[in-house]
Protein backbone atom coordinates (compact mmCIF):
# COMPACT_ATOMS: atom_id res chain seq x y z
CA MET A 1 3.63 26.97 23.93
CA ILE A 2 0.95 25.74 26.29
CA ASN A 3 1.72 22.13 27.69
CA LYS A 4 -1.64 20.35 26.98
CA VAL A 5 -2.40 17.09 28.80
CA ASP A 6 -4.64 14.73 27.13
CA PRO A 7 -6.13 12.46 30.00
CA ASN A 8 -7.64 10.13 27.27
CA LEU A 9 -4.22 9.37 25.58
CA ILE A 10 -3.65 6.04 27.13
CA ARG A 11 -7.13 4.86 26.36
CA GLU A 12 -6.78 5.97 22.82
CA LEU A 13 -3.44 4.13 22.37
CA GLU A 14 -5.06 0.95 23.81
CA GLU A 15 -7.00 0.83 20.54
CA TYR A 16 -3.68 0.62 18.66
CA GLY A 17 -2.49 -2.35 20.79
CA LEU A 18 -0.93 -0.54 23.91
CA LYS A 19 -0.93 -3.08 26.96
CA ASP A 20 -0.22 -1.52 30.58
CA ALA A 21 1.98 1.62 30.08
CA ASN A 22 1.87 2.09 33.91
CA LYS A 23 4.07 -0.94 34.48
CA CYS A 24 6.96 1.24 33.52
CA TYR A 25 8.69 3.22 36.24
CA ASN A 26 11.24 5.02 34.20
CA CYS A 27 14.17 3.11 35.45
CA GLY A 28 15.98 3.76 32.05
CA THR A 29 17.14 0.27 31.40
CA CYS A 30 15.58 0.34 27.88
CA THR A 31 17.31 3.45 26.84
CA ALA A 32 20.65 2.34 28.48
CA ILE A 33 20.73 -1.02 26.27
CA CYS A 34 19.20 0.44 23.12
CA ASP A 35 22.03 0.44 20.41
CA LEU A 36 20.23 3.28 18.59
CA ALA A 37 19.35 5.71 21.43
CA THR A 38 21.40 8.70 21.72
CA PRO A 39 21.70 11.62 24.35
CA GLU A 40 19.76 13.82 21.87
CA ASN A 41 17.10 11.15 21.16
CA PRO A 42 16.69 8.95 24.41
CA PHE A 43 14.04 6.31 23.71
CA PRO A 44 11.98 4.25 24.61
CA ARG A 45 11.82 5.74 28.19
CA LYS A 46 11.01 9.18 27.18
CA LEU A 47 8.15 8.35 24.99
CA VAL A 48 6.64 5.94 27.49
CA ARG A 49 6.82 8.77 29.97
CA TYR A 50 5.01 11.01 27.43
CA ILE A 51 2.23 8.46 27.27
CA GLN A 52 2.04 8.27 31.21
CA LEU A 53 1.70 12.08 31.29
CA GLY A 54 -0.85 12.42 28.50
CA GLN A 55 1.68 14.40 26.18
CA LYS A 56 0.01 13.81 22.93
CA GLU A 57 1.51 17.00 21.13
CA LYS A 58 4.99 16.07 22.17
CA ILE A 59 4.49 12.54 20.75
CA LEU A 60 3.31 13.91 17.73
CA ARG A 61 6.34 16.03 17.06
CA SER A 62 8.77 13.35 18.35
CA PRO A 63 11.00 11.49 15.86
CA GLU A 64 12.06 8.75 18.18
CA PRO A 65 9.29 6.17 17.38
CA TRP A 66 10.67 6.05 13.79
CA LEU A 67 14.41 5.72 15.14
CA CYS A 68 13.35 2.40 16.81
CA TYR A 69 13.50 -0.78 14.60
CA TYR A 70 11.99 -3.11 17.32
CA CYS A 71 15.00 -5.44 17.88
CA GLY A 72 13.37 -6.33 21.21
CA ASP A 73 16.34 -5.97 23.39
CA CYS A 74 14.50 -3.28 25.53
CA SER A 75 11.42 -5.56 26.06
CA THR A 76 13.64 -8.67 26.94
CA ARG A 77 15.61 -6.56 29.55
CA CYS A 78 12.69 -4.55 31.10
CA PRO A 79 12.55 -5.56 34.82
CA ARG A 80 8.88 -4.76 34.96
CA GLY A 81 7.81 -6.55 31.66
CA ALA A 82 6.47 -3.25 30.27
CA ASP A 83 7.39 -4.17 26.81
CA PRO A 84 8.75 -0.85 25.65
CA GLY A 85 9.53 -2.29 22.16
CA GLU A 86 5.94 -2.97 21.52
CA THR A 87 4.97 0.41 22.98
CA MET A 88 7.25 2.09 20.30
CA MET A 89 5.39 -0.03 17.68
CA VAL A 90 2.06 1.10 19.05
CA LEU A 91 3.26 4.70 18.57
CA ARG A 92 4.32 4.15 15.04
CA ARG A 93 0.60 2.85 14.29
CA TYR A 94 -0.70 5.92 16.05
CA LEU A 95 1.48 8.39 14.19
CA THR A 96 0.69 6.80 10.92
CA SER A 97 -3.08 7.49 11.69
CA LEU A 98 -2.26 11.06 12.62
CA TYR A 99 -0.37 11.70 9.54
CA ASP A 100 -3.17 10.24 7.36
CA TRP A 101 -5.71 12.89 6.35
CA THR A 102 -8.31 10.40 5.12
CA GLY A 103 -8.90 8.55 8.41
CA PHE A 104 -8.49 5.14 6.71
CA ALA A 105 -5.26 4.41 8.80
CA ARG A 106 -7.06 4.84 12.04
CA LYS A 107 -9.69 2.41 10.85
CA PHE A 108 -7.15 0.04 9.85
CA TYR A 109 -5.34 -0.11 13.06
CA THR A 110 -8.27 0.17 15.44
CA SER A 111 -10.56 -2.26 13.69
CA GLU A 112 -9.33 -5.65 12.24
CA THR A 113 -12.95 -6.20 10.81
CA PHE A 114 -12.78 -2.96 8.78
CA GLU A 115 -9.46 -3.78 7.31
CA ILE A 116 -10.56 -7.16 6.38
CA ILE A 117 -13.71 -5.97 4.87
CA ALA A 118 -11.89 -3.07 2.99
CA VAL A 119 -9.34 -5.54 1.63
CA ALA A 120 -12.07 -8.02 0.58
CA ILE A 121 -14.27 -5.36 -1.23
CA VAL A 122 -11.40 -4.03 -3.19
CA GLY A 123 -10.21 -7.58 -4.06
CA ILE A 124 -13.77 -8.63 -5.12
CA LEU A 125 -14.22 -5.27 -7.24
CA VAL A 126 -10.99 -6.18 -8.90
CA GLY A 127 -11.99 -9.74 -9.71
CA LEU A 128 -15.34 -8.66 -11.05
CA GLY A 129 -13.69 -6.12 -13.30
CA LEU A 130 -11.27 -8.69 -14.71
CA LEU A 131 -14.14 -11.17 -15.31
CA ILE A 132 -16.42 -8.63 -16.98
CA PHE A 133 -13.86 -6.59 -18.84
CA HIS A 134 -11.81 -8.79 -21.01
CA SER A 135 -11.20 -9.32 -24.90
CA SER A 136 -12.84 -11.88 -26.92
CA PRO A 137 -12.27 -14.54 -28.21
CA ILE A 138 -10.15 -15.93 -25.41
CA ASN A 139 -7.35 -18.21 -26.45
CA TRP A 140 -8.19 -21.65 -24.66
CA ALA A 141 -5.87 -23.68 -26.73
CA HIS A 142 -2.61 -21.96 -25.58
CA THR A 143 -1.79 -19.73 -22.65
CA ASP A 144 -2.12 -16.18 -23.85
CA LEU A 145 -2.80 -13.62 -21.26
CA ASN A 146 -2.77 -10.86 -23.65
CA SER A 147 -5.65 -12.55 -25.48
CA VAL A 148 -7.88 -12.11 -22.28
CA TRP A 149 -6.42 -8.83 -20.81
CA PRO A 150 -4.41 -6.88 -23.35
CA SER A 151 -1.05 -5.57 -21.98
CA ASP A 152 -1.82 -2.01 -23.02
CA GLY A 153 -5.03 -2.03 -20.87
CA ILE A 154 -3.15 -3.65 -17.85
CA GLU A 155 -0.40 -0.92 -18.23
CA LYS A 156 -2.92 1.93 -18.29
CA ALA A 157 -4.55 0.46 -15.12
CA ASP A 158 -1.17 0.17 -13.53
CA LEU A 159 -0.52 3.79 -14.15
CA VAL A 160 -3.98 4.81 -12.60
CA MET A 161 -3.35 2.57 -9.61
CA ALA A 162 0.22 4.05 -9.14
CA ALA A 163 -1.42 7.68 -9.42
CA ILE A 164 -3.87 6.87 -6.69
CA LEU A 165 -1.47 5.13 -4.41
CA LEU A 166 1.33 7.94 -4.76
CA PHE A 167 -1.17 10.70 -4.20
CA PHE A 168 -2.48 9.24 -0.81
CA LEU A 169 1.05 8.15 0.13
CA LEU A 170 2.78 11.62 -0.80
CA THR A 171 0.26 13.73 0.86
CA ASN A 172 0.55 11.74 4.06
CA VAL A 173 4.39 11.98 3.88
CA TYR A 174 3.94 15.67 3.35
CA ARG A 175 1.91 15.92 6.67
CA CYS A 176 4.59 13.75 8.38
CA ILE A 177 7.33 16.17 7.26
CA LYS A 178 5.35 19.22 8.17
CA ILE A 179 4.65 17.89 11.66
CA VAL A 180 7.99 16.47 12.43
CA MET A 181 9.88 19.70 11.15
CA GLY A 182 7.52 21.95 13.20
CA ASP A 183 8.97 25.51 13.20
CA TYR A 184 11.67 24.47 10.72
CA PHE A 185 9.41 23.43 8.15
CA THR A 186 9.35 26.85 6.48
CA LYS A 187 12.81 28.14 7.76
CA VAL A 188 14.83 25.38 5.90
CA PRO A 189 15.34 26.11 2.20
CA VAL A 190 14.04 23.87 -0.42
CA GLY A 191 17.68 23.22 -1.52
CA MET A 192 18.58 21.79 1.84
CA TYR A 193 15.73 19.26 1.62
CA LEU A 194 16.84 18.22 -2.03
CA ASN A 195 20.42 17.93 -0.95
CA GLU A 196 19.51 15.41 1.85
CA LEU A 197 17.32 13.21 -0.39
CA LYS A 198 20.31 10.90 -0.98
CA LEU A 199 20.08 10.03 2.81
CA PHE A 200 16.54 9.10 2.46
CA PHE A 201 17.37 6.55 -0.31
CA ILE A 202 20.41 5.22 1.54
CA ASN A 203 18.34 4.49 4.67
CA LEU A 204 15.35 3.29 2.49
CA LEU A 205 17.44 0.86 0.53
CA THR A 206 20.11 -0.39 3.09
CA GLN A 207 18.16 0.00 6.50
CA LYS A 208 21.61 0.61 7.86
CA GLN A 209 20.46 1.81 11.21
CA PHE A 210 18.88 -1.48 11.88
CA GLY A 211 22.27 -3.04 11.07
CA LYS A 212 23.67 -1.51 14.27
CA CYS A 213 21.21 -3.53 16.35
CA LYS A 214 22.45 -6.75 18.02
CA ASP A 215 19.88 -8.96 16.18
CA ARG A 216 21.59 -9.10 12.81
CA GLN A 217 19.04 -11.75 11.54
CA GLN A 218 16.19 -9.52 12.16
CA TRP A 219 17.94 -6.98 10.15
CA ILE A 220 18.45 -9.24 7.23
CA VAL A 221 14.85 -10.27 7.29
CA HIS A 222 13.71 -6.76 7.33
CA LEU A 223 16.08 -5.88 4.51
CA ALA A 224 14.92 -8.85 2.41
CA ILE A 225 11.31 -7.90 2.51
CA MET A 226 12.00 -4.28 1.97
CA THR A 227 14.31 -4.72 -0.89
CA GLY A 228 12.22 -7.35 -2.46
CA TYR A 229 9.05 -5.37 -2.39
CA SER A 230 10.81 -2.14 -3.60
CA ALA A 231 12.44 -3.95 -6.56
CA ILE A 232 8.90 -5.23 -7.83
CA PHE A 233 7.34 -1.80 -7.02
CA LEU A 234 9.97 -0.09 -9.12
CA MET A 235 9.56 -2.42 -12.05
CA VAL A 236 5.69 -2.36 -11.82
CA VAL A 237 5.22 1.29 -11.07
CA VAL A 238 8.30 3.21 -12.31
CA LEU A 239 9.43 1.23 -15.33
CA VAL A 240 5.99 0.04 -16.53
CA ASN A 241 5.47 0.19 -20.44
CA GLY A 242 9.25 0.34 -21.27
CA LEU A 243 9.87 3.61 -19.21
CA PRO A 244 12.46 4.94 -19.08
CA LEU A 245 15.08 2.22 -20.12
CA GLY A 246 13.10 0.13 -22.49
CA ILE A 247 12.29 -2.26 -19.62
CA ASP A 248 8.93 -3.93 -19.83
CA TRP A 249 7.84 -5.64 -16.51
CA LEU A 250 4.95 -7.37 -18.31
CA LYS A 251 7.31 -9.28 -20.45
CA PHE A 252 8.70 -10.82 -17.20
CA GLN A 253 5.40 -11.24 -15.70
CA ARG A 254 3.19 -12.34 -18.73
CA GLY A 255 5.58 -13.82 -21.19
CA TRP A 256 6.45 -13.31 -24.80
CA ALA A 257 3.26 -15.09 -26.13
CA SER A 258 1.31 -12.53 -24.42
CA LEU A 259 3.23 -9.65 -26.17
CA GLY A 260 2.74 -10.51 -29.91
CA GLY A 261 5.48 -13.06 -30.21
CA ARG A 262 8.39 -10.63 -28.96
CA THR A 263 11.37 -12.39 -27.59
CA GLU A 264 11.22 -12.96 -23.89
CA TYR A 265 14.05 -11.91 -21.49
CA SER A 266 16.82 -14.46 -21.29
CA ILE A 267 17.33 -16.12 -18.02
CA PHE A 268 20.39 -13.95 -17.28
CA HIS A 269 18.86 -10.70 -18.24
CA PRO A 270 19.06 -8.16 -15.53
CA ILE A 271 15.43 -7.74 -15.20
CA ARG A 272 14.95 -11.53 -14.74
CA LEU A 273 17.71 -11.43 -12.04
CA ILE A 274 16.22 -8.61 -10.19
CA GLY A 275 12.75 -10.49 -10.43
CA TYR A 276 14.34 -13.72 -9.06
CA TYR A 277 15.93 -11.98 -6.22
CA ALA A 278 12.76 -10.13 -5.26
CA THR A 279 10.87 -13.45 -5.31
CA PHE A 280 13.33 -15.07 -3.19
CA ALA A 281 13.85 -12.14 -0.71
CA ILE A 282 10.06 -11.69 -0.17
CA MET A 283 9.41 -15.49 0.22
CA TYR A 284 12.27 -15.73 2.70
CA GLY A 285 11.48 -12.71 4.63
CA THR A 286 7.76 -13.24 4.81
CA THR A 287 8.15 -16.82 5.61
CA TYR A 288 10.47 -16.16 8.53
CA ALA A 289 8.43 -13.44 9.96
CA LEU A 290 5.20 -15.58 9.77
CA ILE A 291 6.75 -18.47 11.39
CA GLY A 292 8.20 -16.22 14.02
CA ARG A 293 4.76 -14.88 14.84
CA LEU A 294 3.11 -18.24 15.06
CA ARG A 295 5.75 -19.50 17.48
CA LYS A 296 6.19 -16.11 19.21
CA SER A 297 9.96 -16.80 18.99
CA LYS A 298 11.14 -13.26 19.55
CA PRO A 299 9.95 -10.28 21.52
CA GLN A 300 8.79 -8.48 18.50
CA TYR A 301 6.73 -11.46 17.42
CA LYS A 302 4.93 -11.93 20.71
CA SER A 303 2.26 -9.17 20.25
CA SER A 304 1.22 -9.49 16.67
CA HIS A 305 -1.23 -6.88 15.56
CA GLY A 306 -3.88 -7.56 12.83
CA THR A 307 -2.13 -5.18 10.42
CA ASP A 308 1.17 -7.22 10.92
CA TRP A 309 -0.58 -10.29 9.89
CA MET A 310 -2.38 -8.67 6.92
CA PHE A 311 0.70 -7.21 5.22
CA LEU A 312 2.62 -10.29 5.42
CA ILE A 313 -0.03 -12.56 4.22
CA LEU A 314 -1.02 -10.38 1.29
CA LEU A 315 2.70 -9.94 0.34
CA GLN A 316 3.45 -13.62 0.34
CA LEU A 317 0.16 -14.49 -1.52
CA THR A 318 0.97 -11.97 -4.17
CA THR A 319 4.42 -13.45 -4.55
CA MET A 320 3.25 -17.08 -4.66
CA THR A 321 0.42 -16.52 -7.18
CA GLY A 322 2.96 -14.58 -9.28
CA ILE A 323 5.28 -17.80 -9.16
CA PHE A 324 2.30 -20.03 -9.94
CA ILE A 325 1.56 -17.76 -13.04
CA ASN A 326 4.91 -18.22 -14.46
CA PHE A 327 4.90 -22.00 -13.98
CA THR A 328 1.35 -22.58 -15.36
CA ARG A 329 2.25 -20.22 -18.31
CA LEU A 330 5.42 -22.33 -19.17
CA LEU A 331 3.36 -25.46 -18.75
CA ASP A 332 0.77 -23.95 -21.25
CA TRP A 333 -2.28 -24.51 -18.92
CA PRO A 334 -4.54 -21.64 -20.17
CA LEU A 335 -7.50 -22.03 -17.67
CA VAL A 336 -5.40 -22.41 -14.69
CA THR A 337 -3.08 -19.48 -15.68
CA TYR A 338 -6.15 -17.19 -16.30
CA ALA A 339 -7.74 -18.26 -12.98
CA ILE A 340 -4.51 -17.69 -10.92
CA TYR A 341 -3.94 -14.31 -12.75
CA VAL A 342 -7.31 -13.06 -11.47
CA ILE A 343 -6.56 -14.28 -7.91
CA HIS A 344 -3.03 -12.55 -8.16
CA MET A 345 -4.52 -9.26 -8.98
CA MET A 346 -7.30 -9.61 -6.33
CA VAL A 347 -4.55 -9.94 -3.64
CA ALA A 348 -1.92 -7.54 -5.27
CA ILE A 349 -4.12 -4.43 -5.89
CA PRO A 350 -5.74 -4.30 -2.37
CA MET A 351 -2.28 -4.68 -0.92
CA LEU A 352 -0.95 -1.73 -2.94
CA VAL A 353 -3.81 0.78 -2.77
CA LEU A 354 -4.79 0.05 0.72
CA GLU A 355 -1.84 -1.32 2.78
CA VAL A 356 0.98 0.73 1.29
CA PRO A 357 -0.45 4.30 1.94
CA PHE A 358 -2.46 3.64 5.13
CA ALA A 359 -1.04 0.62 7.10
CA LYS A 360 2.25 -0.98 7.85
CA TRP A 361 3.82 -0.45 4.54
CA ALA A 362 3.80 3.29 5.09
CA HIS A 363 6.32 2.81 7.78
CA LEU A 364 8.91 2.05 4.98
CA ALA A 365 8.52 5.60 3.92
CA TYR A 366 8.22 7.42 7.18
CA ARG A 367 11.24 5.91 8.84
CA PRO A 368 13.77 7.12 6.25
CA ILE A 369 11.99 10.46 5.91
CA VAL A 370 12.39 11.13 9.54
CA LEU A 371 15.96 10.09 9.61
CA MET A 372 16.49 12.47 6.69
CA LEU A 373 14.68 15.23 8.50
CA LEU A 374 16.91 15.00 11.61
CA SER A 375 19.99 15.46 9.53
CA ILE A 376 18.36 18.46 8.01
CA LYS A 377 17.67 20.01 11.34
CA GLU A 378 21.24 19.40 12.63
CA LYS A 379 22.76 20.91 9.50
CA TYR A 380 20.48 23.84 9.48
CA ILE A 381 21.28 24.59 13.02
CA ALA A 382 25.06 24.36 12.35
CA GLU A 383 24.88 26.71 9.63
CA HIS A 384 22.90 29.33 11.38
CA THR A 385 24.13 29.23 15.01
CA GLN A 386 27.31 31.29 14.40
CA ALA A 387 25.63 33.57 11.69
CA GLU A 388 22.41 34.41 13.66
CA GLY A 389 22.96 33.36 17.14
CA PRO A 390 21.26 30.49 19.00
CA VAL A 391 18.21 29.03 17.24
CA LEU A 392 15.81 26.52 18.19
CA SER A 393 17.37 23.16 19.22
CA ALA A 394 17.02 20.25 16.94
CA LYS A 395 16.63 17.94 19.96
CA PRO A 396 13.07 16.83 20.60
CA ALA A 397 11.57 18.50 23.67
CA ALA A 398 12.17 16.38 26.81
């Protein structure tokens, strides 16, 4: 393979937040102190060197950016102040834009104005849609969301939104798999991919690799945000309309009065407990991260990108408006509840259809996917080395 050099790589990465990559003189301190770096996957030093040498193709195939959880140790200990942790974050943004075939991810990461306008346009369209398309007459005497926006219509809209979201996310994940696997993509049998799916879910739900870092508090925050969001996403997208276990998220979100007088879940029902956990976890995680970014209290909070702020703000606003809806519904304040519900949807839907497949939320999918792919490569090589002789190494090219 021809080793191509891209002389414009550093300039291109600067659009994604890269500072001065030339500060690094490859002393290796960052790699030596990293709890997650291995002899097979030495980072951040190797990736910083790739940037300096214009090795775009090698960066594209490298799994290391997704193995880093940005605990900040490397940036704290760097003798040159090169901030290798933030450089790894920059590469994750860059790779996200390269996996995305639509070009939206690149726009979000290189233009804060574009991201704000895109989120605002989708939010406004959602708000106008809810104001224009509603049932009549509206129940102004008592809070009844179903009298304004029937649950069956909301459920259908949820399914349409889920289909759009999953289409973009899964097609981009497919591109990620194809790029990271390289020559192995067609060699590895489908059964081996399926067998390793359990590893994907383990890393997605536990973030256990992050737990190996010294900053345990940061792992807890990361895990709280991820599990809280995943719980809500599961109930809204996967279990909507009573599928597959007779669980109806709308009964938790909109209340019994909105659903023809059916009995509301008791306070100790598993769905309520999951909802309460998700609410607490998201509010705790996002508040901690927002305060940290405002105070710049940790290395990973000192160089906040616009997309970092956007996903935290949208997630917290979605959660807070959801909390307010439940309170105003219980207090039986119709006008306030309906107004907050419109705001809630104007915030939640842009977050789901824009931020999840194209911006920082996509990292939650790419990271466990890459960890799974590394395991697949290792097992494939182990199975074929003796039977067929040496095969291509699973180690990323140095």
